[in-house]
């Protein structure tokens, strides 16, 4: 039983870290997309 509890806690912590990493990457992806959009619109 204790092993299952430890595994559940580790999975929850890993999920929180994954959500945080995805949120940080979304900001970076958004900046890159805005940059590319500006490059494309500037050339027209």
C-alpha atoms as a PDB file:
ATOM      1  CA  UNK A   1       0.000   0.000   0.000  1.00  0.00           C
ATOM      2  CA  UNK A   2       2.790   2.428   0.826  1.00  0.00           C
ATOM      3  CA  UNK A   3       4.419   1.895  -2.572  1.00  0.00           C
ATOM      4  CA  UNK A   4       1.170   2.831  -4.309  1.00  0.00           C
ATOM      5  CA  UNK A   5       0.867   5.960  -2.179  1.00  0.00           C
ATOM      6  CA  UNK A   6       4.445   6.972  -2.990  1.00  0.00           C
ATOM      7  CA  UNK A   7       3.826   6.346  -6.703  1.00  0.00           C
ATOM      8  CA  UNK A   8       0.651   8.462  -6.636  1.00  0.00           C
ATOM      9  CA  UNK A   9       2.506  11.329  -4.943  1.00  0.00           C
ATOM     10  CA  UNK A  10       5.341  11.121  -7.472  1.00  0.00           C
ATOM     11  CA  UNK A  11       2.877  11.104 -10.382  1.00  0.00           C
ATOM     12  CA  UNK A  12       1.105  14.172  -8.987  1.00  0.00           C
ATOM     13  CA  UNK A  13       4.418  16.014  -8.567  1.00  0.00           C
ATOM     14  CA  UNK A  14       5.497  15.029 -12.084  1.00  0.00           C
ATOM     15  CA  UNK A  15       2.148  16.276 -13.443  1.00  0.00           C
ATOM     16  CA  UNK A  16       2.553  19.634 -11.729  1.00  0.00           C
ATOM     17  CA  UNK A  17       6.087  19.981 -13.100  1.00  0.00           C
ATOM     18  CA  UNK A  18       4.875  19.025 -16.594  1.00  0.00           C
ATOM     19  CA  UNK A  19       2.065  21.606 -16.494  1.00  0.00           C
ATOM     20  CA  UNK A  20       4.534  24.272 -15.344  1.00  0.00           C
ATOM     21  CA  UNK A  21       6.977  23.355 -18.126  1.00  0.00           C
ATOM     22  CA  UNK A  22       4.218  23.458 -20.750  1.00  0.00           C
ATOM     23  CA  UNK A  23       3.036  26.854 -19.479  1.00  0.00           C
ATOM     24  CA  UNK A  24       6.588  28.234 -19.696  1.00  0.00           C
ATOM     25  CA  UNK A  25       7.012  26.828 -23.209  1.00  0.00           C
ATOM     26  CA  UNK A  26       3.685  28.313 -24.338  1.00  0.00           C
ATOM     27  CA  UNK A  27       5.041  31.774 -23.529  1.00  0.00           C
ATOM     28  CA  UNK A  28       8.169  31.057 -25.577  1.00  0.00           C
ATOM     29  CA  UNK A  29       6.130  29.595 -28.468  1.00  0.00           C
ATOM     30  CA  UNK A  30       3.818  32.624 -28.411  1.00  0.00           C
ATOM     31  CA  UNK A  31       6.797  35.001 -28.659  1.00  0.00           C
ATOM     32  CA  UNK A  32       8.246  32.992 -31.581  1.00  0.00           C
ATOM     33  CA  UNK A  33       4.903  32.984 -33.426  1.00  0.00           C
ATOM     34  CA  UNK A  34       4.506  36.754 -32.989  1.00  0.00           C
ATOM     35  CA  UNK A  35       8.059  37.231 -34.295  1.00  0.00           C
ATOM     36  CA  UNK A  36       7.383  35.092 -37.394  1.00  0.00           C
ATOM     37  CA  UNK A  37       4.060  36.842 -38.010  1.00  0.00           C
ATOM     38  CA  UNK A  38       5.828  40.216 -37.900  1.00  0.00           C
ATOM     39  CA  UNK A  39       8.476  38.958 -40.335  1.00  0.00           C
ATOM     40  CA  UNK A  40       5.865  37.679 -42.788  1.00  0.00           C
ATOM     41  CA  UNK A  41       3.667  40.783 -42.613  1.00  0.00           C
ATOM     42  CA  UNK A  42       6.652  43.106 -42.928  1.00  0.00           C
ATOM     43  CA  UNK A  43       7.712  41.565 -46.264  1.00  0.00           C
ATOM     44  CA  UNK A  44       4.325  42.025 -47.940  1.00  0.00           C
END
